[in-house]
Amino acid sequence: MGKIIDYPLLVLLLSFVVMWLSAWLGPFLRRRLELHQSVRDDFGLIMAATLTLLGLIIGFSFSMATSRYDQRKNYEAAEANAIGTEYVRADLLPAADGAKVRTLLKRYVDERILYYTTRDLDEVREIDARTAKLQAELWSAVRAPARANPTPLTALVVWGMNDVLNSQGYTQAAWWNRIPTAAWLLMVMIAVCCNVLVGYRAHNFRQEAVVLLVLPLVVSISFFLIADIDSPRGGLIRVSPQNLAALAESLRAP
């Protein structure tokens, strides 16, 4: 399940097939298990309550996905601000050390942009390796002058570099923060029950087949939207590194 939700279009297709088959299961059960009249009176109430619960869970899951999306956007902006601030603070270092830090930060920004725009996981691993190497070089570039000349100004540069490194960690954590697989499974189970109940209520499934496509389609689209927003790389709705791109362009300006 964890791999499937990384591909929202696959979620759309699979969920529609499962929900549609669940709706077909309803009339099959009706022919073999006819409810007593006393129970049949409460069936509509049970189905309405189940559909309401499904709507609440889908709404809650959508809220979880959007909050995580907003978190990824906020951390992208925070990361660009941290790098831009440290680029300016590099002037507080000796000329040679400051030039080295600024050169490394330009390369670092390019790697961070690639991290946001790359979909291939193998390439992402290579980007992570290059990023880790650059982080070590950046820290070494500010640590040496800070040890040689420990002043409040060099401490400010070291603090700024710490923000740069921390912001990447916060971004990584936000990209790992997804809707739990258990929540997806429970949501699918409730959706299946709803479709079975709707199909069970149909008196003539063949005549009402078109009508009974509505709930599977709506649920599948809802699952697709949630998976798309919750998937940082596989979805159509992704966080664009606009702030990092603008920073990279400004750093290249003469």
Protein backbone atom coordinates (compact mmCIF):
# COMPACT_ATOMS: atom_id res chain seq x y z
CA MET A 1 0.00 0.00 0.00
CA GLY A 2 2.87 2.35 0.82
CA LYS A 3 4.23 2.02 -2.72
CA ILE A 4 0.84 2.34 -4.42
CA ILE A 5 -0.01 5.70 -2.87
CA ASP A 6 3.13 7.14 -4.46
CA TYR A 7 1.32 6.81 -7.81
CA PRO A 8 -1.99 8.73 -7.58
CA LEU A 9 -3.23 7.65 -11.02
CA LEU A 10 -2.79 4.02 -9.99
CA VAL A 11 -4.73 4.81 -6.81
CA LEU A 12 -7.53 6.23 -8.96
CA LEU A 13 -7.77 3.15 -11.18
CA LEU A 14 -7.44 0.53 -8.44
CA SER A 15 -9.84 2.26 -6.07
CA PHE A 16 -12.46 2.64 -8.80
CA VAL A 17 -12.24 -1.07 -9.67
CA VAL A 18 -12.44 -2.12 -6.01
CA MET A 19 -15.36 0.22 -5.25
CA TRP A 20 -17.26 -0.80 -8.36
CA LEU A 21 -16.83 -4.49 -7.58
CA SER A 22 -17.98 -3.79 -4.03
CA ALA A 23 -21.15 -2.22 -5.42
CA TRP A 24 -21.70 -5.38 -7.51
CA LEU A 25 -21.32 -7.46 -4.36
CA GLY A 26 -24.35 -5.78 -2.81
CA PRO A 27 -27.03 -7.32 -5.07
CA PHE A 28 -25.25 -10.69 -4.85
CA LEU A 29 -25.63 -10.63 -1.07
CA ARG A 30 -29.22 -9.39 -1.35
CA ARG A 31 -30.23 -12.45 -3.36
CA ARG A 32 -28.75 -14.76 -0.70
CA LEU A 33 -29.51 -12.80 2.43
CA GLU A 34 -32.85 -11.04 2.50
CA LEU A 35 -33.33 -8.82 5.52
CA HIS A 36 -36.31 -9.21 7.81
CA GLN A 37 -38.81 -6.36 7.69
CA SER A 38 -37.92 -5.23 11.21
CA VAL A 39 -34.25 -4.95 10.22
CA ARG A 40 -34.99 -3.44 6.81
CA ASP A 41 -36.54 -0.38 8.46
CA ASP A 42 -33.20 0.43 10.10
CA PHE A 43 -31.14 -0.29 6.98
CA GLY A 44 -31.48 3.23 5.60
CA LEU A 45 -30.34 4.71 8.90
CA ILE A 46 -27.31 2.43 9.00
CA MET A 47 -26.36 3.25 5.42
CA ALA A 48 -26.73 7.01 6.01
CA ALA A 49 -24.55 6.80 9.13
CA THR A 50 -21.91 4.79 7.26
CA LEU A 51 -21.83 7.24 4.35
CA THR A 52 -21.54 10.14 6.79
CA LEU A 53 -18.62 8.43 8.52
CA LEU A 54 -16.93 7.88 5.14
CA GLY A 55 -17.36 11.56 4.28
CA LEU A 56 -15.86 12.62 7.61
CA ILE A 57 -12.87 10.32 7.22
CA ILE A 58 -12.22 11.47 3.66
CA GLY A 59 -12.46 15.09 4.79
CA PHE A 60 -10.10 14.42 7.69
CA SER A 61 -7.60 12.67 5.40
CA PHE A 62 -7.78 15.51 2.89
CA SER A 63 -7.07 17.96 5.71
CA MET A 64 -4.05 15.89 6.76
CA ALA A 65 -2.73 15.88 3.18
CA THR A 66 -3.17 19.63 2.67
CA SER A 67 -1.51 20.45 6.01
CA ARG A 68 1.51 18.38 5.01
CA TYR A 69 1.59 20.08 1.61
CA ASP A 70 1.55 23.50 3.28
CA GLN A 71 4.32 22.35 5.59
CA ARG A 72 6.50 21.38 2.63
CA LYS A 73 5.88 24.79 1.04
CA ASN A 74 6.77 26.63 4.24
CA TYR A 75 10.00 24.71 4.69
CA GLU A 76 10.99 25.42 1.08
CA ALA A 77 10.63 29.14 1.76
CA ALA A 78 12.47 28.83 5.08
CA GLU A 79 15.31 26.96 3.40
CA ALA A 80 15.71 29.65 0.74
CA ASN A 81 15.73 32.37 3.41
CA ALA A 82 18.37 30.55 5.45
CA ILE A 83 20.67 30.08 2.46
CA GLY A 84 20.19 33.68 1.28
CA THR A 85 20.96 35.04 4.75
CA GLU A 86 24.08 32.93 5.09
CA TYR A 87 25.26 34.05 1.64
CA VAL A 88 25.17 37.65 2.85
CA ARG A 89 26.82 36.82 6.18
CA ALA A 90 29.74 35.23 4.32
CA ASP A 91 31.05 38.81 3.87
CA LEU A 92 31.88 38.77 7.59
CA LEU A 93 34.55 36.13 6.99
CA PRO A 94 38.01 36.79 5.58
CA ALA A 95 37.89 37.39 1.82
CA ALA A 96 39.19 33.96 0.79
CA ASP A 97 36.94 32.08 3.22
CA GLY A 98 33.91 34.17 2.30
CA ALA A 99 34.42 33.55 -1.42
CA LYS A 100 34.67 29.80 -0.79
CA VAL A 101 31.46 29.76 1.25
CA ARG A 102 29.58 31.73 -1.41
CA THR A 103 30.76 29.35 -4.15
CA LEU A 104 29.66 26.33 -2.14
CA LEU A 105 26.29 27.92 -1.38
CA LYS A 106 25.62 28.48 -5.08
CA ARG A 107 26.23 24.79 -5.76
CA TYR A 108 24.16 23.89 -2.73
CA VAL A 109 21.15 25.86 -3.99
CA ASP A 110 21.31 24.05 -7.33
CA GLU A 111 21.27 20.69 -5.54
CA ARG A 112 18.29 21.73 -3.41
CA ILE A 113 16.35 22.74 -6.52
CA LEU A 114 17.08 19.38 -8.09
CA TYR A 115 15.82 17.69 -4.93
CA TYR A 116 12.42 19.34 -5.37
CA THR A 117 12.08 18.77 -9.11
CA THR A 118 13.47 15.24 -9.54
CA ARG A 119 11.06 12.29 -9.64
CA ASP A 120 13.51 9.43 -10.17
CA LEU A 121 14.38 7.87 -6.80
CA ASP A 122 17.83 6.70 -7.92
CA GLU A 123 18.70 10.24 -8.91
CA VAL A 124 17.32 11.50 -5.60
CA ARG A 125 19.76 9.24 -3.76
CA GLU A 126 22.62 10.73 -5.77
CA ILE A 127 21.37 14.23 -4.97
CA ASP A 128 21.22 13.35 -1.27
CA ALA A 129 24.81 12.08 -1.40
CA ARG A 130 26.05 15.26 -3.12
CA THR A 131 24.06 17.38 -0.67
CA ALA A 132 25.60 15.63 2.32
CA LYS A 133 29.06 16.17 0.87
CA LEU A 134 28.38 19.85 0.27
CA GLN A 135 27.06 20.25 3.80
CA ALA A 136 30.29 18.82 5.18
CA GLU A 137 32.31 21.21 3.01
CA LEU A 138 30.17 24.18 4.04
CA TRP A 139 30.54 23.40 7.72
CA SER A 140 34.29 22.96 7.32
CA ALA A 141 34.48 26.27 5.43
CA VAL A 142 33.00 28.25 8.35
CA ARG A 143 34.50 26.15 11.16
CA ALA A 144 38.13 26.87 10.21
CA PRO A 145 37.93 30.71 10.28
CA ALA A 146 35.72 30.57 13.39
CA ARG A 147 38.37 28.59 15.26
CA ALA A 148 41.17 30.79 13.97
CA ASN A 149 39.37 34.02 14.93
CA PRO A 150 36.53 33.37 17.42
CA THR A 151 34.61 36.65 17.41
CA PRO A 152 30.89 37.50 17.63
CA LEU A 153 30.87 38.08 13.85
CA THR A 154 32.26 34.65 13.01
CA ALA A 155 29.86 33.13 15.54
CA LEU A 156 27.02 34.78 13.63
CA VAL A 157 28.24 33.11 10.42
CA VAL A 158 28.47 29.73 12.14
CA TRP A 159 24.95 30.18 13.52
CA GLY A 160 23.66 31.01 10.05
CA MET A 161 25.30 27.90 8.59
CA ASN A 162 23.65 25.85 11.32
CA ASP A 163 20.29 27.22 10.14
CA VAL A 164 21.11 26.21 6.57
CA LEU A 165 21.89 22.64 7.57
CA ASN A 166 18.90 22.38 9.91
CA SER A 167 16.48 23.69 7.28
CA GLN A 168 17.41 20.81 4.97
CA GLY A 169 16.70 18.35 7.77
CA TYR A 170 13.30 19.92 8.43
CA THR A 171 12.48 19.71 4.73
CA GLN A 172 13.45 16.05 4.58
CA ALA A 173 11.31 15.27 7.63
CA ALA A 174 8.33 17.07 6.06
CA TRP A 175 8.68 14.99 2.87
CA TRP A 176 8.72 11.81 4.92
CA ASN A 177 5.65 12.88 6.90
CA ARG A 178 2.87 11.12 4.98
CA ILE A 179 -0.61 9.85 5.78
CA PRO A 180 -0.08 6.51 7.60
CA THR A 181 -0.74 3.33 5.64
CA ALA A 182 -3.08 2.14 8.40
CA ALA A 183 -5.26 5.22 7.85
CA TRP A 184 -5.45 4.43 4.14
CA LEU A 185 -6.47 0.82 4.83
CA LEU A 186 -9.21 1.85 7.26
CA MET A 187 -10.52 4.44 4.81
CA VAL A 188 -10.64 1.86 2.01
CA MET A 189 -12.43 -0.66 4.24
CA ILE A 190 -15.14 1.85 5.17
CA ALA A 191 -15.52 2.88 1.52
CA VAL A 192 -15.95 -0.78 0.51
CA CYS A 193 -18.65 -1.23 3.16
CA CYS A 194 -20.47 1.87 1.88
CA ASN A 195 -20.47 0.61 -1.69
CA VAL A 196 -21.70 -2.82 -0.60
CA LEU A 197 -24.56 -1.22 1.31
CA VAL A 198 -25.51 0.99 -1.63
CA GLY A 199 -25.44 -2.00 -3.95
CA TYR A 200 -27.47 -4.07 -1.50
CA ARG A 201 -30.17 -1.40 -1.44
CA ALA A 202 -30.55 -1.46 -5.24
CA HIS A 203 -33.71 -3.32 -6.23
CA ASN A 204 -32.75 -3.74 -9.88
CA PHE A 205 -29.02 -3.52 -10.23
CA ARG A 206 -28.97 -3.69 -14.02
CA GLN A 207 -31.33 -0.73 -14.36
CA GLU A 208 -29.54 1.22 -11.64
CA ALA A 209 -26.01 0.32 -12.77
CA VAL A 210 -25.26 3.82 -14.06
CA VAL A 211 -26.50 5.40 -10.85
CA LEU A 212 -24.40 3.03 -8.76
CA LEU A 213 -21.27 4.17 -10.60
CA VAL A 214 -21.51 7.56 -8.92
CA LEU A 215 -20.31 6.56 -5.44
CA PRO A 216 -17.34 4.47 -6.67
CA LEU A 217 -16.33 7.30 -9.00
CA VAL A 218 -16.63 10.01 -6.34
CA VAL A 219 -14.73 7.95 -3.75
CA SER A 220 -12.00 7.09 -6.28
CA ILE A 221 -11.54 10.75 -7.24
CA SER A 222 -11.36 11.67 -3.56
CA PHE A 223 -8.68 9.03 -2.97
CA PHE A 224 -6.80 10.26 -6.03
CA LEU A 225 -6.82 13.86 -4.80
CA ILE A 226 -5.66 12.89 -1.32
CA ALA A 227 -2.87 10.65 -2.69
CA ASP A 228 -1.82 13.32 -5.19
CA ILE A 229 -1.47 16.06 -2.58
CA ASP A 230 0.19 13.69 -0.11
CA SER A 231 2.76 12.44 -2.64
CA PRO A 232 5.71 14.88 -2.85
CA ARG A 233 7.14 13.37 -6.07
CA GLY A 234 4.49 11.22 -7.72
CA GLY A 235 1.60 13.68 -7.72
CA LEU A 236 0.50 16.32 -10.17
CA ILE A 237 0.23 18.85 -7.33
CA ARG A 238 3.78 19.32 -6.11
CA VAL A 239 5.76 21.95 -4.24
CA SER A 240 7.60 24.09 -6.75
CA PRO A 241 10.96 25.46 -5.51
CA GLN A 242 10.05 29.01 -6.50
CA ASN A 243 11.92 30.64 -3.63
CA LEU A 244 15.04 28.57 -4.21
CA ALA A 245 14.91 29.24 -7.96
CA ALA A 246 14.57 32.98 -7.35
CA LEU A 247 17.49 32.82 -4.91
CA ALA A 248 19.65 30.92 -7.40
CA GLU A 249 18.91 33.52 -10.07
CA SER A 250 19.78 36.39 -7.74
CA LEU A 251 23.04 34.71 -6.71
CA ARG A 252 24.08 34.39 -10.34
CA ALA A 253 23.42 38.08 -11.00
CA PRO A 254 26.58 40.19 -11.24
